């Protein structure tokens, strides 16, 4: 009885670590996308400012 609960704890710990790693990778990916998006907006704004001024 106690052994199965230990195995369950180990598997849930592994799953938690995998989920945490996945979330960390995803958040890095999303933040890099946001940075690229912000830079493209800034570049477009500057280009339109120079074109229409």
N, C-alpha and C. Protein backbone atom coordinates (compact mmCIF):
# COMPACT_ATOMS: atom_id res chain seq x y z
N UNK A 1 0.83 -1.20 0.00
CA UNK A 1 0.00 0.00 0.00
C UNK A 1 0.87 1.26 0.00
N UNK A 2 1.86 1.27 0.89
CA UNK A 2 2.72 2.46 0.99
C UNK A 2 3.59 2.60 -0.26
N UNK A 3 3.97 1.45 -0.85
CA UNK A 3 4.85 1.50 -2.01
C UNK A 3 4.15 2.15 -3.21
N UNK A 4 2.88 1.84 -3.42
CA UNK A 4 2.16 2.41 -4.56
C UNK A 4 2.02 3.93 -4.40
N UNK A 5 1.81 4.41 -3.18
CA UNK A 5 1.70 5.85 -2.98
C UNK A 5 3.04 6.54 -3.24
N UNK A 6 4.15 5.86 -2.90
CA UNK A 6 5.47 6.43 -3.19
C UNK A 6 5.67 6.52 -4.70
N UNK A 7 5.26 5.46 -5.43
CA UNK A 7 5.39 5.47 -6.89
C UNK A 7 4.54 6.59 -7.48
N UNK A 8 3.33 6.76 -6.96
CA UNK A 8 2.46 7.83 -7.44
C UNK A 8 3.09 9.19 -7.20
N UNK A 9 3.70 9.35 -6.02
CA UNK A 9 4.37 10.61 -5.71
C UNK A 9 5.51 10.87 -6.69
N UNK A 10 6.30 9.83 -6.99
CA UNK A 10 7.42 10.00 -7.92
C UNK A 10 6.93 10.37 -9.31
N UNK A 11 5.89 9.69 -9.79
CA UNK A 11 5.40 9.98 -11.14
C UNK A 11 4.80 11.38 -11.20
N UNK A 12 4.08 11.79 -10.16
CA UNK A 12 3.50 13.14 -10.17
C UNK A 12 4.61 14.19 -10.09
N UNK A 13 5.68 13.88 -9.37
CA UNK A 13 6.82 14.80 -9.30
C UNK A 13 7.45 14.96 -10.68
N UNK A 14 7.62 13.85 -11.39
CA UNK A 14 8.18 13.90 -12.75
C UNK A 14 7.27 14.71 -13.67
N UNK A 15 5.97 14.47 -13.57
CA UNK A 15 5.02 15.21 -14.40
C UNK A 15 5.08 16.70 -14.10
N UNK A 16 5.15 17.04 -12.81
CA UNK A 16 5.23 18.45 -12.42
C UNK A 16 6.48 19.08 -13.01
N UNK A 17 7.60 18.37 -12.95
CA UNK A 17 8.85 18.92 -13.50
C UNK A 17 8.74 19.11 -15.01
N UNK A 18 8.14 18.13 -15.70
CA UNK A 18 7.98 18.25 -17.15
C UNK A 18 7.09 19.43 -17.49
N UNK A 19 6.00 19.59 -16.74
CA UNK A 19 5.08 20.70 -16.98
C UNK A 19 5.78 22.03 -16.72
N UNK A 20 6.57 22.09 -15.64
CA UNK A 20 7.30 23.32 -15.32
C UNK A 20 8.30 23.65 -16.42
N UNK A 21 9.04 22.65 -16.90
CA UNK A 21 10.00 22.87 -17.98
C UNK A 21 9.28 23.36 -19.23
N UNK A 22 8.15 22.71 -19.55
CA UNK A 22 7.37 23.09 -20.73
C UNK A 22 6.88 24.53 -20.60
N UNK A 23 6.36 24.88 -19.42
CA UNK A 23 5.85 26.24 -19.21
C UNK A 23 6.98 27.25 -19.30
N UNK A 24 8.14 26.90 -18.77
CA UNK A 24 9.27 27.83 -18.83
C UNK A 24 9.69 28.07 -20.28
N UNK A 25 9.77 26.98 -21.06
CA UNK A 25 10.13 27.12 -22.48
C UNK A 25 9.09 27.94 -23.21
N UNK A 26 7.82 27.67 -22.92
CA UNK A 26 6.75 28.42 -23.58
C UNK A 26 6.80 29.90 -23.23
N UNK A 27 7.06 30.21 -21.95
CA UNK A 27 7.09 31.62 -21.54
C UNK A 27 8.27 32.34 -22.18
N UNK A 28 9.42 31.65 -22.32
CA UNK A 28 10.56 32.26 -23.01
C UNK A 28 10.21 32.51 -24.47
N UNK A 29 9.55 31.55 -25.10
CA UNK A 29 9.13 31.69 -26.50
C UNK A 29 8.17 32.86 -26.66
N UNK A 30 7.19 32.94 -25.75
CA UNK A 30 6.18 34.01 -25.82
C UNK A 30 6.83 35.37 -25.59
N UNK A 31 7.75 35.45 -24.62
CA UNK A 31 8.40 36.74 -24.35
C UNK A 31 9.25 37.17 -25.53
N UNK A 32 9.95 36.22 -26.19
CA UNK A 32 10.74 36.60 -27.36
C UNK A 32 9.82 37.05 -28.49
N UNK A 33 8.67 36.39 -28.65
CA UNK A 33 7.69 36.83 -29.65
C UNK A 33 7.20 38.23 -29.35
N UNK A 34 6.92 38.51 -28.07
CA UNK A 34 6.45 39.84 -27.68
C UNK A 34 7.51 40.89 -27.96
N UNK A 35 8.78 40.56 -27.71
CA UNK A 35 9.87 41.51 -27.98
C UNK A 35 9.95 41.80 -29.48
N UNK A 36 9.88 40.75 -30.29
CA UNK A 36 9.91 40.92 -31.75
C UNK A 36 8.72 41.76 -32.20
N UNK A 37 7.55 41.48 -31.65
CA UNK A 37 6.33 42.21 -31.99
C UNK A 37 6.47 43.68 -31.62
N UNK A 38 6.99 43.96 -30.43
CA UNK A 38 7.18 45.34 -29.99
C UNK A 38 8.16 46.07 -30.90
N UNK A 39 9.25 45.40 -31.27
CA UNK A 39 10.23 46.03 -32.15
C UNK A 39 9.63 46.32 -33.52
N UNK A 40 8.84 45.41 -34.05
CA UNK A 40 8.23 45.65 -35.37
C UNK A 40 7.27 46.83 -35.30
N UNK A 41 6.52 46.96 -34.19
CA UNK A 41 5.61 48.09 -34.02
C UNK A 41 6.40 49.40 -33.96
N UNK A 42 7.51 49.39 -33.21
CA UNK A 42 8.34 50.60 -33.08
C UNK A 42 8.91 50.99 -34.45
N UNK A 43 9.41 50.00 -35.19
CA UNK A 43 10.00 50.28 -36.51
C UNK A 43 8.93 50.82 -37.46
N UNK A 44 7.74 50.20 -37.45
CA UNK A 44 6.66 50.68 -38.31
C UNK A 44 6.25 52.09 -37.94
N UNK A 45 6.16 52.38 -36.64
CA UNK A 45 5.78 53.72 -36.20
C UNK A 45 6.81 54.75 -36.64
N UNK A 46 8.09 54.43 -36.50
CA UNK A 46 9.14 55.36 -36.91
C UNK A 46 9.14 55.57 -38.42
N UNK A 47 8.93 54.49 -39.18
CA UNK A 47 8.88 54.61 -40.63
C UNK A 47 7.71 55.48 -41.07
N UNK A 48 6.55 55.25 -40.49
CA UNK A 48 5.38 56.06 -40.86
C UNK A 48 5.58 57.51 -40.43
N UNK A 49 6.22 57.72 -39.28
CA UNK A 49 6.49 59.08 -38.81
C UNK A 49 7.40 59.81 -39.79
N UNK A 50 8.46 59.11 -40.27
CA UNK A 50 9.39 59.75 -41.20
C UNK A 50 8.75 59.93 -42.57
N UNK A 51 7.87 59.01 -42.97
CA UNK A 51 7.25 59.11 -44.29
C UNK A 51 6.24 60.24 -44.35
N UNK A 52 5.46 60.41 -43.27
CA UNK A 52 4.36 61.37 -43.31
C UNK A 52 4.69 62.70 -42.67
N UNK A 53 5.92 62.87 -42.20
CA UNK A 53 6.25 64.16 -41.58
C UNK A 53 6.79 65.13 -42.64
